[in-house]
Protein backbone atom coordinates (compact mmCIF):
# COMPACT_ATOMS: atom_id res chain seq x y z
CA UNK A 1 12.15 32.02 26.50
CA UNK A 2 11.04 28.51 27.41
CA UNK A 3 11.97 25.30 25.57
CA UNK A 4 8.93 23.17 24.76
CA UNK A 5 9.09 19.52 23.73
CA UNK A 6 6.23 18.05 21.69
CA UNK A 7 5.65 14.46 20.58
CA UNK A 8 4.74 13.71 16.95
CA UNK A 9 2.84 10.44 16.60
CA UNK A 10 1.15 8.72 13.66
CA UNK A 11 4.36 8.66 11.64
CA UNK A 12 3.20 5.44 9.95
CA UNK A 13 0.34 7.47 8.44
CA UNK A 14 2.80 10.08 7.19
CA UNK A 15 4.97 7.39 5.62
CA UNK A 16 1.99 5.62 4.04
CA UNK A 17 -0.29 8.23 2.54
CA UNK A 18 -2.99 5.73 1.52
CA UNK A 19 -3.25 4.13 4.99
CA UNK A 20 -6.66 4.45 6.68
CA UNK A 21 -7.53 4.08 10.36
CA UNK A 22 -7.96 0.46 11.38
CA UNK A 23 -6.14 -0.93 8.37
CA UNK A 24 -3.57 -3.62 9.17
CA UNK A 25 -0.01 -2.57 8.39
CA UNK A 26 1.92 -4.65 5.88
CA UNK A 27 5.69 -5.33 5.94
CA UNK A 28 6.04 -2.81 3.10
CA UNK A 29 4.28 -0.17 5.21
CA UNK A 30 6.57 -0.88 8.16
CA UNK A 31 9.55 -0.52 5.84
CA UNK A 32 8.39 2.92 4.64
CA UNK A 33 7.75 3.98 8.25
CA UNK A 34 11.25 2.93 9.31
CA UNK A 35 12.76 4.75 6.32
CA UNK A 36 10.98 7.99 7.22
CA UNK A 37 11.99 7.71 10.87
CA UNK A 38 15.61 6.97 9.91
CA UNK A 39 15.65 10.03 7.64
CA UNK A 40 14.26 12.22 10.42
CA UNK A 41 16.86 10.86 12.85
CA UNK A 42 19.71 11.37 10.40
CA UNK A 43 18.80 14.82 9.09
CA UNK A 44 17.09 16.35 12.15
CA UNK A 45 15.17 18.70 9.81
CA UNK A 46 12.93 21.69 10.44
CA UNK A 47 9.38 20.56 11.31
CA UNK A 48 6.34 22.83 11.09
CA UNK A 49 3.07 22.20 12.93
CA UNK A 50 -0.31 23.67 12.07
CA UNK A 51 -4.08 23.03 12.02
CA UNK A 52 -5.39 20.09 10.00
CA UNK A 53 -8.69 21.06 8.32
CA UNK A 54 -8.89 17.68 6.55
CA UNK A 55 -9.00 15.59 9.73
CA UNK A 56 -12.61 14.50 10.20
CA UNK A 57 -11.84 12.25 13.17
CA UNK A 58 -9.81 14.54 15.42
CA UNK A 59 -11.35 18.02 15.10
CA UNK A 60 -8.49 19.71 16.96
CA UNK A 61 -5.68 17.79 15.20
CA UNK A 62 -2.40 19.52 14.43
CA UNK A 63 -0.32 18.11 11.60
CA UNK A 64 3.46 18.00 11.45
CA UNK A 65 5.23 18.48 8.11
CA UNK A 66 8.81 18.52 6.91
CA UNK A 67 10.17 19.07 3.41
CA UNK A 68 6.70 19.19 1.91
CA UNK A 69 5.55 15.90 3.47
CA UNK A 70 3.26 15.12 6.36
CA UNK A 71 5.27 13.19 8.92
CA UNK A 72 2.50 12.73 11.49
CA UNK A 73 0.44 14.73 13.95
CA UNK A 74 0.91 16.19 17.41
CA UNK A 75 0.25 13.48 20.00
CA UNK A 76 -2.95 13.70 22.02
CA UNK A 77 -1.20 14.62 25.28
CA UNK A 78 0.56 17.59 23.65
CA UNK A 79 -2.12 18.91 21.32
CA UNK A 80 -3.53 21.47 23.80
CA UNK A 81 -0.04 22.87 24.43
CA UNK A 82 0.54 23.13 20.68
CA UNK A 83 -2.76 24.99 20.22
CA UNK A 84 -1.85 27.40 23.02
CA UNK A 85 1.56 28.02 21.44
CA UNK A 86 -0.09 28.67 18.06
CA UNK A 87 -2.52 31.17 19.52
CA UNK A 88 0.20 32.93 21.47
CA UNK A 89 2.49 33.12 18.43
CA UNK A 90 -0.17 34.66 16.19
CA UNK A 91 1.15 32.53 13.32
CA UNK A 92 -0.56 29.77 11.37
CA UNK A 93 2.29 27.31 12.00
CA UNK A 94 4.93 26.58 14.64
CA UNK A 95 8.56 26.01 13.69
CA UNK A 96 10.51 23.32 15.53
CA UNK A 97 13.48 20.98 15.20
CA UNK A 98 13.69 17.22 15.61
CA UNK A 99 15.36 16.38 18.92
CA UNK A 100 14.75 12.64 19.28
CA UNK A 101 13.46 9.81 17.10
CA UNK A 102 12.21 6.42 18.27
CA UNK A 103 12.56 4.00 15.36
CA UNK A 104 10.06 1.13 15.40
CA UNK A 105 6.94 0.07 13.50
CA UNK A 106 4.80 2.74 15.17
CA UNK A 107 7.67 5.00 16.15
CA UNK A 108 7.44 8.64 17.11
CA UNK A 109 9.39 11.88 16.94
CA UNK A 110 10.13 14.48 19.60
CA UNK A 111 10.51 18.08 18.44
CA UNK A 112 11.56 21.15 20.41
CA UNK A 113 10.91 24.87 20.00
CA UNK A 114 11.63 28.01 21.98
CA UNK A 115 8.72 30.30 22.83
CA UNK A 116 7.55 32.74 25.45
CA UNK A 117 6.08 31.23 28.61
CA UNK A 118 2.46 30.34 27.98
CA UNK A 119 -0.21 32.52 29.53
CA UNK A 120 -3.56 31.04 30.65
CA UNK A 121 -6.10 31.02 27.81
CA UNK A 122 -9.92 30.72 28.08
CA UNK A 123 -11.28 27.23 27.50
CA UNK A 124 -12.87 26.54 24.12
CA UNK A 125 -16.62 25.89 24.06
CA UNK A 126 -16.29 22.98 21.65
CA UNK A 127 -13.61 21.33 19.49
CA UNK A 128 -15.16 22.88 16.37
CA UNK A 129 -14.70 26.41 17.71
CA UNK A 130 -10.94 26.24 17.23
CA UNK A 131 -11.45 26.83 13.51
CA UNK A 132 -12.99 30.26 14.08
CA UNK A 133 -9.47 31.56 14.74
CA UNK A 134 -8.05 30.20 11.48
CA UNK A 135 -10.76 30.82 8.88
CA UNK A 136 -9.75 34.39 8.04
CA UNK A 137 -7.99 34.45 4.69
CA UNK A 138 -8.02 30.68 4.20
CA UNK A 139 -9.14 29.20 0.86
CA UNK A 140 -12.75 28.06 0.75
CA UNK A 141 -11.80 24.70 -0.76
CA UNK A 142 -10.25 22.08 1.56
CA UNK A 143 -6.49 22.05 1.89
CA UNK A 144 -4.55 20.21 -0.77
CA UNK A 145 -0.98 18.93 -0.67
CA UNK A 146 0.08 21.94 -2.75
CA UNK A 147 -1.46 24.35 -0.26
CA UNK A 148 0.29 22.55 2.59
CA UNK A 149 3.64 22.88 0.82
CA UNK A 150 3.01 26.55 0.12
CA UNK A 151 2.10 27.24 3.76
CA UNK A 152 5.11 25.32 5.08
CA UNK A 153 7.51 27.14 2.77
CA UNK A 154 6.04 30.56 3.60
CA UNK A 155 6.35 29.88 7.34
CA UNK A 156 10.02 28.93 7.08
CA UNK A 157 11.04 31.57 4.52
CA UNK A 158 9.30 34.42 6.34
CA UNK A 159 10.49 33.50 9.83
CA UNK A 160 13.91 31.91 9.36
CA UNK A 161 15.55 32.90 6.08
CA UNK A 162 14.27 36.19 4.66
CA UNK A 163 14.82 38.24 7.86
CA UNK A 164 18.56 37.50 7.75
CA UNK A 165 19.69 36.30 4.33
CA UNK A 166 23.33 36.93 5.14
CA UNK A 167 23.33 34.01 7.59
CA UNK A 168 20.98 31.73 5.67
CA UNK A 169 22.16 28.30 4.53
CA UNK A 170 22.09 28.64 0.75
CA UNK A 171 21.08 25.07 -0.02
CA UNK A 172 18.22 25.17 2.48
CA UNK A 173 17.13 28.57 1.21
CA UNK A 174 17.16 27.28 -2.36
CA UNK A 175 15.17 24.20 -1.33
CA UNK A 176 12.39 26.15 0.39
CA UNK A 177 12.12 28.66 -2.44
CA UNK A 178 11.65 25.66 -4.74
CA UNK A 179 9.05 24.22 -2.37
CA UNK A 180 7.16 27.52 -2.38
CA UNK A 181 7.27 27.65 -6.18
CA UNK A 182 5.90 24.10 -6.32
CA UNK A 183 3.20 24.80 -3.74
CA UNK A 184 2.09 28.09 -5.31
CA UNK A 185 2.11 26.69 -8.86
CA UNK A 186 -1.66 27.18 -9.20
CA UNK A 187 -2.09 30.06 -6.75
CA UNK A 188 -3.36 33.01 -8.79
CA UNK A 189 -4.33 35.06 -5.74
CA UNK A 190 -3.27 38.64 -5.16
CA UNK A 191 -1.63 37.55 -1.90
CA UNK A 192 0.58 35.00 -3.67
CA UNK A 193 1.58 37.58 -6.27
CA UNK A 194 2.52 40.05 -3.53
CA UNK A 195 4.44 37.37 -1.63
CA UNK A 196 6.39 36.40 -4.76
CA UNK A 197 7.28 40.03 -5.47
CA UNK A 198 8.42 40.53 -1.87
CA UNK A 199 10.69 37.48 -2.07
CA UNK A 200 12.18 38.74 -5.35
CA UNK A 201 12.93 42.17 -3.87
CA UNK A 202 14.48 40.64 -0.76
CA UNK A 203 16.69 38.19 -2.68
CA UNK A 204 17.82 40.78 -5.23
CA UNK A 205 18.94 43.09 -2.42
CA UNK A 206 21.28 40.45 -0.93
CA UNK A 207 25.03 41.05 -1.10
CA UNK A 208 25.77 37.44 -2.02
CA UNK A 209 25.57 36.84 -5.77
CA UNK A 210 24.43 33.24 -5.34
CA UNK A 211 21.51 34.37 -3.20
CA UNK A 212 20.57 37.08 -5.72
CA UNK A 213 20.40 34.40 -8.42
CA UNK A 214 17.73 32.57 -6.43
CA UNK A 215 15.30 35.31 -7.46
CA UNK A 216 15.41 34.16 -11.09
CA UNK A 217 13.07 31.12 -10.73
CA UNK A 218 10.58 33.35 -8.92
CA UNK A 219 10.74 35.95 -11.67
CA UNK A 220 10.24 33.21 -14.25
CA UNK A 221 7.21 31.95 -12.35
CA UNK A 222 5.90 35.52 -12.21
CA UNK A 223 6.08 35.76 -15.99
CA UNK A 224 4.47 32.38 -16.59
CA UNK A 225 1.56 32.93 -14.21
CA UNK A 226 0.04 35.42 -16.62
CA UNK A 227 0.45 33.30 -19.75
CA UNK A 228 -2.48 31.49 -21.30
CA UNK A 229 -1.23 27.93 -20.74
CA UNK A 230 -0.95 28.13 -16.92
CA UNK A 231 -4.35 29.84 -16.73
CA UNK A 232 -5.92 27.10 -18.85
CA UNK A 233 -4.23 24.41 -16.78
CA UNK A 234 -5.50 26.01 -13.60
CA UNK A 235 -9.05 26.18 -14.93
CA UNK A 236 -9.24 22.77 -16.62
CA UNK A 237 -6.90 20.57 -14.57
CA UNK A 238 -6.33 21.89 -11.05
CA UNK A 239 -9.91 22.97 -10.37
CA UNK A 240 -11.26 19.71 -11.78
CA UNK A 241 -8.91 17.72 -9.53
CA UNK A 242 -10.04 19.70 -6.50
CA UNK A 243 -13.72 19.41 -7.48
CA UNK A 244 -13.42 15.63 -7.80
CA UNK A 245 -11.26 15.20 -4.69
CA UNK A 246 -12.60 13.13 -1.75
CA UNK A 247 -12.54 16.21 0.50
CA UNK A 248 -14.81 18.24 -1.78
CA UNK A 249 -17.15 15.28 -2.33
CA UNK A 250 -17.60 15.06 1.44
CA UNK A 251 -18.58 18.75 1.48
CA UNK A 252 -21.41 18.01 -0.95
CA UNK A 253 -23.00 15.39 1.31
């Protein structure tokens, strides 16, 4: 195994969700950026990195998320390495840990991950061609914040916690189950139903009583997903929000 270090830049965009390229930062924006960087430095949380379908400026951008929030994107000098690691892993996201944080107005974060030594990969014909590898099974609508949370939680639960529940940190496990429930709130797909059932079976088979109890919110969500109210909300609220979102409006142009 080889230890790879990747820089996460653009943290001021992660801390200020309404910030657009070229906009002048305000003192309030700097404050939010510093607060996010200080939290990352203090907690050293799990960070996941994956493709960013919503980025219309950088076609090969890779976002970095932690605890259901975008914290930035992989820096330009490291983005090719991150793509190679994604392809080699066969997963939709990479899992890493914060190793260093530089706290300033446009600060950055260094994350590390262990992976097999990279093998040479054929060059891509164009930046757009990277998406051909990731379109299978993805929703046809652009990503939303809920879908990002769902994908982040699935990546961490499937790769870190569910394979070895006996050694899982209970609070972290509980948090990411909650994040998956939040992210999959409107996901009526067969795949989400199967994933929820798999999590329930895995949790209920644990020896630890506290871990077994974590299956209850998932079972409750399972029951509610088939009730009339959630179905109506999905049809009248969630789909309308997606239809009227800036991303979908751009698709119509």
